Amino acid sequence: MSALQLTKTKMKEGMWQGIITGMGEDAPRVEVTHENAVISDILLTHNQSADHWTLSIPIPPQAIADGIQTLIIRDVETDTKIGHVTLIAADELTDDLRAEVDLLRAELDMLKSAFRRHCVETT
């Protein structure tokens, strides 16, 4: 389990922001993925007075599409999910079930990848 705690603060003008606590002075190693592709231009800024890190994620253009898109935020050190961003476009969503299924698919893909990596490393 990750010691990092992620709290969303806002999403404005295509930029999602959140606060990461639990690291102190050391920069957290986080990775953000969309459909198994790593989003490389995330920004981490340390706020010394508040003793937290601000995570800024630019929403990639490919994530702005009809349907449900999910960005997974994970702690690289512990290989655990610490948060997600869900974008919903087009049809009105009458039930959150589709968002949950999309999130489960993304998490399953992450688990499959971690399991395969574990199998390679232990053989």
N, C-alpha and C. Protein backbone atom coordinates (compact mmCIF):
# COMPACT_ATOMS: atom_id res chain seq x y z
N MET A 1 0.84 -1.18 0.00
CA MET A 1 0.00 0.00 0.00
C MET A 1 0.88 1.24 0.00
N SER A 2 0.48 2.24 -0.76
CA SER A 2 1.26 3.46 -0.89
C SER A 2 1.05 4.38 0.30
N ALA A 3 2.14 5.07 0.69
CA ALA A 3 2.05 6.06 1.76
C ALA A 3 1.55 7.39 1.22
N LEU A 4 1.50 7.52 -0.11
CA LEU A 4 1.06 8.77 -0.71
C LEU A 4 -0.45 8.92 -0.63
N GLN A 5 -0.89 10.14 -0.39
CA GLN A 5 -2.31 10.47 -0.40
C GLN A 5 -2.52 11.55 -1.46
N LEU A 6 -3.46 11.33 -2.36
CA LEU A 6 -3.75 12.28 -3.43
C LEU A 6 -5.14 12.85 -3.23
N THR A 7 -5.23 14.18 -3.26
CA THR A 7 -6.51 14.87 -3.11
C THR A 7 -6.68 15.82 -4.28
N LYS A 8 -7.78 15.68 -5.01
CA LYS A 8 -8.05 16.57 -6.14
C LYS A 8 -8.35 17.97 -5.62
N THR A 9 -7.79 18.97 -6.31
CA THR A 9 -8.09 20.35 -5.94
C THR A 9 -8.95 21.04 -6.99
N LYS A 10 -8.61 20.86 -8.29
CA LYS A 10 -9.42 21.48 -9.33
C LYS A 10 -9.04 20.95 -10.70
N MET A 11 -9.93 21.21 -11.65
CA MET A 11 -9.64 20.97 -13.06
C MET A 11 -10.12 22.19 -13.81
N LYS A 12 -9.20 22.84 -14.50
CA LYS A 12 -9.54 24.08 -15.19
C LYS A 12 -8.68 24.21 -16.43
N GLU A 13 -9.31 24.61 -17.53
CA GLU A 13 -8.62 24.87 -18.80
C GLU A 13 -7.73 23.70 -19.23
N GLY A 14 -8.26 22.49 -19.09
CA GLY A 14 -7.54 21.30 -19.54
C GLY A 14 -6.42 20.83 -18.64
N MET A 15 -6.34 21.38 -17.43
CA MET A 15 -5.30 20.99 -16.49
C MET A 15 -5.95 20.49 -15.20
N TRP A 16 -5.67 19.23 -14.85
CA TRP A 16 -6.17 18.64 -13.60
C TRP A 16 -5.10 18.86 -12.54
N GLN A 17 -5.51 19.26 -11.34
CA GLN A 17 -4.54 19.47 -10.27
C GLN A 17 -4.97 18.75 -9.00
N GLY A 18 -3.99 18.27 -8.28
CA GLY A 18 -4.23 17.61 -7.00
C GLY A 18 -3.03 17.81 -6.09
N ILE A 19 -3.24 17.48 -4.82
CA ILE A 19 -2.19 17.62 -3.82
C ILE A 19 -1.77 16.24 -3.34
N ILE A 20 -0.46 16.01 -3.31
CA ILE A 20 0.10 14.75 -2.82
C ILE A 20 0.76 15.02 -1.48
N THR A 21 0.37 14.24 -0.48
CA THR A 21 0.99 14.33 0.84
C THR A 21 1.59 12.97 1.17
N GLY A 22 2.49 12.97 2.14
CA GLY A 22 3.09 11.71 2.59
C GLY A 22 4.50 11.51 2.12
N MET A 23 5.13 12.53 1.51
CA MET A 23 6.49 12.37 1.00
C MET A 23 7.50 13.27 1.68
N GLY A 24 7.08 14.38 2.26
CA GLY A 24 8.03 15.32 2.83
C GLY A 24 8.81 16.02 1.74
N GLU A 25 10.12 16.11 1.91
CA GLU A 25 10.99 16.83 0.96
C GLU A 25 11.24 16.05 -0.33
N ASP A 26 11.17 14.73 -0.26
CA ASP A 26 11.47 13.91 -1.43
C ASP A 26 10.33 13.96 -2.44
N ALA A 27 10.70 14.15 -3.69
CA ALA A 27 9.69 14.20 -4.75
C ALA A 27 9.06 12.83 -4.94
N PRO A 28 7.74 12.76 -4.98
CA PRO A 28 7.10 11.46 -5.22
C PRO A 28 7.33 11.03 -6.67
N ARG A 29 7.42 9.74 -6.86
CA ARG A 29 7.54 9.20 -8.22
C ARG A 29 6.17 8.70 -8.64
N VAL A 30 5.48 9.51 -9.43
CA VAL A 30 4.15 9.13 -9.89
C VAL A 30 4.16 9.00 -11.40
N GLU A 31 3.23 8.19 -11.87
CA GLU A 31 3.07 7.97 -13.30
C GLU A 31 1.59 8.07 -13.62
N VAL A 32 1.28 8.74 -14.72
CA VAL A 32 -0.10 8.89 -15.16
C VAL A 32 -0.22 8.22 -16.52
N THR A 33 -1.23 7.34 -16.66
CA THR A 33 -1.42 6.64 -17.92
C THR A 33 -2.85 6.82 -18.42
N HIS A 34 -2.98 6.78 -19.73
CA HIS A 34 -4.28 6.77 -20.39
C HIS A 34 -4.21 5.70 -21.47
N GLU A 35 -5.06 4.69 -21.37
CA GLU A 35 -5.07 3.57 -22.31
C GLU A 35 -3.67 2.97 -22.44
N ASN A 36 -3.02 2.74 -21.31
CA ASN A 36 -1.68 2.14 -21.20
C ASN A 36 -0.55 2.99 -21.78
N ALA A 37 -0.84 4.24 -22.15
CA ALA A 37 0.20 5.15 -22.63
C ALA A 37 0.53 6.14 -21.52
N VAL A 38 1.81 6.32 -21.25
CA VAL A 38 2.25 7.22 -20.19
C VAL A 38 2.13 8.66 -20.65
N ILE A 39 1.55 9.49 -19.79
CA ILE A 39 1.48 10.93 -20.05
C ILE A 39 2.75 11.52 -19.47
N SER A 40 3.60 12.05 -20.35
CA SER A 40 4.95 12.43 -19.93
C SER A 40 5.09 13.85 -19.41
N ASP A 41 4.18 14.74 -19.69
CA ASP A 41 4.38 16.14 -19.32
C ASP A 41 3.64 16.55 -18.05
N ILE A 42 3.61 15.65 -17.06
CA ILE A 42 3.03 16.01 -15.76
C ILE A 42 4.02 16.90 -15.02
N LEU A 43 3.52 17.69 -14.07
CA LEU A 43 4.38 18.61 -13.33
C LEU A 43 4.16 18.43 -11.84
N LEU A 44 5.25 18.28 -11.10
CA LEU A 44 5.22 18.19 -9.64
C LEU A 44 5.91 19.41 -9.06
N THR A 45 5.23 20.13 -8.18
CA THR A 45 5.78 21.32 -7.56
C THR A 45 5.70 21.18 -6.05
N HIS A 46 6.82 21.43 -5.37
CA HIS A 46 6.84 21.29 -3.91
C HIS A 46 6.43 22.61 -3.25
N ASN A 47 5.52 22.52 -2.30
CA ASN A 47 5.10 23.66 -1.49
C ASN A 47 5.68 23.43 -0.09
N GLN A 48 6.82 24.09 0.20
CA GLN A 48 7.52 23.85 1.47
C GLN A 48 6.70 24.30 2.67
N SER A 49 6.01 25.41 2.56
CA SER A 49 5.27 25.92 3.72
C SER A 49 4.13 24.99 4.12
N ALA A 50 3.49 24.36 3.14
CA ALA A 50 2.38 23.45 3.43
C ALA A 50 2.83 21.99 3.50
N ASP A 51 4.11 21.72 3.15
CA ASP A 51 4.68 20.37 3.17
C ASP A 51 3.87 19.38 2.34
N HIS A 52 3.59 19.79 1.09
CA HIS A 52 2.94 18.87 0.15
C HIS A 52 3.45 19.16 -1.26
N TRP A 53 3.09 18.28 -2.17
CA TRP A 53 3.45 18.42 -3.58
C TRP A 53 2.18 18.66 -4.37
N THR A 54 2.23 19.56 -5.35
CA THR A 54 1.11 19.80 -6.25
C THR A 54 1.38 19.05 -7.55
N LEU A 55 0.43 18.20 -7.93
CA LEU A 55 0.53 17.44 -9.17
C LEU A 55 -0.37 18.10 -10.20
N SER A 56 0.20 18.45 -11.35
CA SER A 56 -0.56 19.04 -12.46
C SER A 56 -0.48 18.10 -13.65
N ILE A 57 -1.66 17.73 -14.16
CA ILE A 57 -1.74 16.81 -15.29
C ILE A 57 -2.47 17.50 -16.43
N PRO A 58 -1.79 17.74 -17.55
CA PRO A 58 -2.50 18.27 -18.71
C PRO A 58 -3.34 17.15 -19.33
N ILE A 59 -4.60 17.42 -19.59
CA ILE A 59 -5.46 16.39 -20.20
C ILE A 59 -5.03 16.23 -21.65
N PRO A 60 -4.60 15.03 -22.04
CA PRO A 60 -4.14 14.83 -23.43
C PRO A 60 -5.31 14.91 -24.41
N PRO A 61 -5.08 15.43 -25.60
CA PRO A 61 -6.15 15.55 -26.59
C PRO A 61 -6.85 14.23 -26.90
N GLN A 62 -6.11 13.12 -26.89
CA GLN A 62 -6.71 11.82 -27.20
C GLN A 62 -7.69 11.37 -26.12
N ALA A 63 -7.63 11.97 -24.93
CA ALA A 63 -8.56 11.62 -23.85
C ALA A 63 -9.86 12.41 -23.95
N ILE A 64 -9.90 13.37 -24.84
CA ILE A 64 -11.12 14.16 -25.04
C ILE A 64 -11.85 13.55 -26.23
N ALA A 65 -12.75 12.63 -25.91
CA ALA A 65 -13.46 11.89 -26.95
C ALA A 65 -14.80 11.43 -26.40
N ASP A 66 -15.67 11.00 -27.30
CA ASP A 66 -16.96 10.47 -26.86
C ASP A 66 -16.74 9.27 -25.95
N GLY A 67 -17.63 9.13 -25.02
CA GLY A 67 -17.56 7.99 -24.11
C GLY A 67 -16.86 8.35 -22.82
N ILE A 68 -16.31 7.33 -22.18
CA ILE A 68 -15.66 7.50 -20.88
C ILE A 68 -14.17 7.24 -21.05
N GLN A 69 -13.37 8.18 -20.59
CA GLN A 69 -11.92 8.06 -20.64
C GLN A 69 -11.39 8.15 -19.21
N THR A 70 -10.42 7.31 -18.87
CA THR A 70 -9.88 7.30 -17.51
C THR A 70 -8.37 7.43 -17.54
N LEU A 71 -7.85 8.34 -16.74
CA LEU A 71 -6.42 8.49 -16.53
C LEU A 71 -6.11 7.89 -15.16
N ILE A 72 -5.14 7.00 -15.10
CA ILE A 72 -4.77 6.34 -13.85
C ILE A 72 -3.50 7.00 -13.30
N ILE A 73 -3.54 7.35 -12.02
CA ILE A 73 -2.39 7.95 -11.35
C ILE A 73 -1.87 6.93 -10.36
N ARG A 74 -0.58 6.57 -10.48
CA ARG A 74 -0.05 5.55 -9.59
C ARG A 74 1.30 5.94 -9.02
N ASP A 75 1.58 5.39 -7.85
CA ASP A 75 2.85 5.54 -7.16
C ASP A 75 3.81 4.53 -7.78
N VAL A 76 4.88 5.00 -8.42
CA VAL A 76 5.83 4.11 -9.09
C VAL A 76 6.59 3.26 -8.08
N GLU A 77 6.91 3.84 -6.92
CA GLU A 77 7.69 3.12 -5.91
C GLU A 77 6.99 1.85 -5.43
N THR A 78 5.69 1.95 -5.16
CA THR A 78 4.96 0.80 -4.63
C THR A 78 4.08 0.13 -5.69
N ASP A 79 4.06 0.70 -6.89
CA ASP A 79 3.24 0.20 -7.99
C ASP A 79 1.77 0.06 -7.58
N THR A 80 1.25 1.09 -6.90
CA THR A 80 -0.15 1.10 -6.49
C THR A 80 -0.84 2.34 -7.03
N LYS A 81 -2.13 2.18 -7.29
CA LYS A 81 -2.95 3.29 -7.77
C LYS A 81 -3.24 4.22 -6.61
N ILE A 82 -3.01 5.53 -6.84
CA ILE A 82 -3.32 6.51 -5.79
C ILE A 82 -4.47 7.43 -6.20
N GLY A 83 -4.90 7.34 -7.45
CA GLY A 83 -6.02 8.17 -7.90
C GLY A 83 -6.33 7.96 -9.37
N HIS A 84 -7.37 8.62 -9.82
CA HIS A 84 -7.75 8.56 -11.22
C HIS A 84 -8.53 9.80 -11.60
N VAL A 85 -8.57 10.07 -12.91
CA VAL A 85 -9.36 11.16 -13.47
C VAL A 85 -10.28 10.51 -14.50
N THR A 86 -11.57 10.74 -14.36
CA THR A 86 -12.54 10.18 -15.31
C THR A 86 -13.18 11.32 -16.10
N LEU A 87 -13.13 11.21 -17.42
CA LEU A 87 -13.75 12.20 -18.30
C LEU A 87 -14.91 11.53 -19.02
N ILE A 88 -16.06 12.19 -19.02
CA ILE A 88 -17.26 11.64 -19.66
C ILE A 88 -17.75 12.65 -20.69
N ALA A 89 -17.96 12.21 -21.92
CA ALA A 89 -18.44 13.09 -22.98
C ALA A 89 -19.55 12.41 -23.78
N ALA A 90 -20.30 13.19 -24.48
CA ALA A 90 -21.38 12.75 -25.38
C ALA A 90 -22.66 12.46 -24.60
N ASP A 91 -23.13 11.22 -24.65
CA ASP A 91 -24.41 10.87 -24.06
C ASP A 91 -24.46 11.19 -22.57
N GLU A 92 -25.65 11.59 -22.13
CA GLU A 92 -25.81 11.78 -20.69
C GLU A 92 -25.65 10.42 -20.01
N LEU A 93 -24.97 10.45 -18.91
CA LEU A 93 -24.74 9.21 -18.18
C LEU A 93 -25.81 9.07 -17.11
N THR A 94 -26.65 8.08 -17.29
CA THR A 94 -27.74 7.88 -16.33
C THR A 94 -27.29 7.04 -15.14
N ASP A 95 -26.21 6.32 -15.32
CA ASP A 95 -25.71 5.48 -14.24
C ASP A 95 -24.20 5.51 -14.28
N ASP A 96 -23.56 5.52 -13.15
CA ASP A 96 -22.11 5.56 -13.07
C ASP A 96 -21.47 4.21 -13.36
N LEU A 97 -22.26 3.21 -13.69
CA LEU A 97 -21.74 1.86 -13.91
C LEU A 97 -20.70 1.81 -15.02
N ARG A 98 -20.95 2.54 -16.11
CA ARG A 98 -19.98 2.52 -17.21
C ARG A 98 -18.64 3.10 -16.78
N ALA A 99 -18.65 4.14 -15.98
CA ALA A 99 -17.40 4.72 -15.49
C ALA A 99 -16.65 3.72 -14.62
N GLU A 100 -17.37 3.01 -13.77
CA GLU A 100 -16.74 2.02 -12.91
C GLU A 100 -16.15 0.87 -13.73
N VAL A 101 -16.85 0.42 -14.77
CA VAL A 101 -16.34 -0.66 -15.62
C VAL A 101 -15.08 -0.21 -16.33
N ASP A 102 -15.06 1.04 -16.83
CA ASP A 102 -13.87 1.55 -17.49
C ASP A 102 -12.69 1.62 -16.52
N LEU A 103 -12.96 2.06 -15.31
CA LEU A 103 -11.91 2.12 -14.29
C LEU A 103 -11.39 0.73 -13.95
N LEU A 104 -12.29 -0.24 -13.83
CA LEU A 104 -11.88 -1.62 -13.56
C LEU A 104 -11.02 -2.18 -14.70
N ARG A 105 -11.38 -1.87 -15.93
CA ARG A 105 -10.58 -2.32 -17.07
C ARG A 105 -9.17 -1.74 -17.00
N ALA A 106 -9.08 -0.45 -16.71
CA ALA A 106 -7.76 0.20 -16.62
C ALA A 106 -6.94 -0.40 -15.48
N GLU A 107 -7.56 -0.65 -14.35
CA GLU A 107 -6.85 -1.25 -13.23
C GLU A 107 -6.42 -2.68 -13.54
N LEU A 108 -7.28 -3.43 -14.23
CA LEU A 108 -6.93 -4.80 -14.61
C LEU A 108 -5.74 -4.80 -15.56
N ASP A 109 -5.70 -3.86 -16.51
CA ASP A 109 -4.55 -3.76 -17.41
C ASP A 109 -3.28 -3.47 -16.63
N MET A 110 -3.37 -2.60 -15.62
CA MET A 110 -2.21 -2.28 -14.80
C MET A 110 -1.76 -3.51 -14.01
N LEU A 111 -2.71 -4.27 -13.45
CA LEU A 111 -2.37 -5.48 -12.70
C LEU A 111 -1.75 -6.54 -13.60
N LYS A 112 -2.28 -6.71 -14.80
CA LYS A 112 -1.70 -7.68 -15.73
C LYS A 112 -0.26 -7.32 -16.05
N SER A 113 -0.02 -6.04 -16.28
CA SER A 113 1.33 -5.58 -16.59
C SER A 113 2.27 -5.84 -15.42
N ALA A 114 1.83 -5.53 -14.20
CA ALA A 114 2.66 -5.73 -13.02
C ALA A 114 2.92 -7.22 -12.79
N PHE A 115 1.92 -8.06 -13.02
CA PHE A 115 2.08 -9.50 -12.83
C PHE A 115 3.08 -10.07 -13.84
N ARG A 116 2.97 -9.63 -15.09
CA ARG A 116 3.91 -10.11 -16.11
C ARG A 116 5.33 -9.69 -15.77
N ARG A 117 5.49 -8.43 -15.31
CA ARG A 117 6.80 -7.93 -14.92
C ARG A 117 7.36 -8.76 -13.75
N HIS A 118 6.48 -9.08 -12.79
CA HIS A 118 6.89 -9.89 -11.63
C HIS A 118 7.34 -11.28 -12.08
N CYS A 119 6.60 -11.90 -13.00
CA CYS A 119 6.96 -13.23 -13.48
C CYS A 119 8.32 -13.22 -14.18
N VAL A 120 8.58 -12.18 -14.94
CA VAL A 120 9.87 -12.09 -15.65
C VAL A 120 11.00 -11.90 -14.65
N GLU A 121 10.77 -11.07 -13.64
CA GLU A 121 11.83 -10.79 -12.66
C GLU A 121 12.13 -11.96 -11.75
N THR A 122 11.17 -12.84 -11.50
CA THR A 122 11.39 -13.94 -10.56
C THR A 122 11.83 -15.24 -11.23
N THR A 123 11.89 -15.26 -12.55
CA THR A 123 12.36 -16.48 -13.22
C THR A 123 13.76 -16.38 -13.70
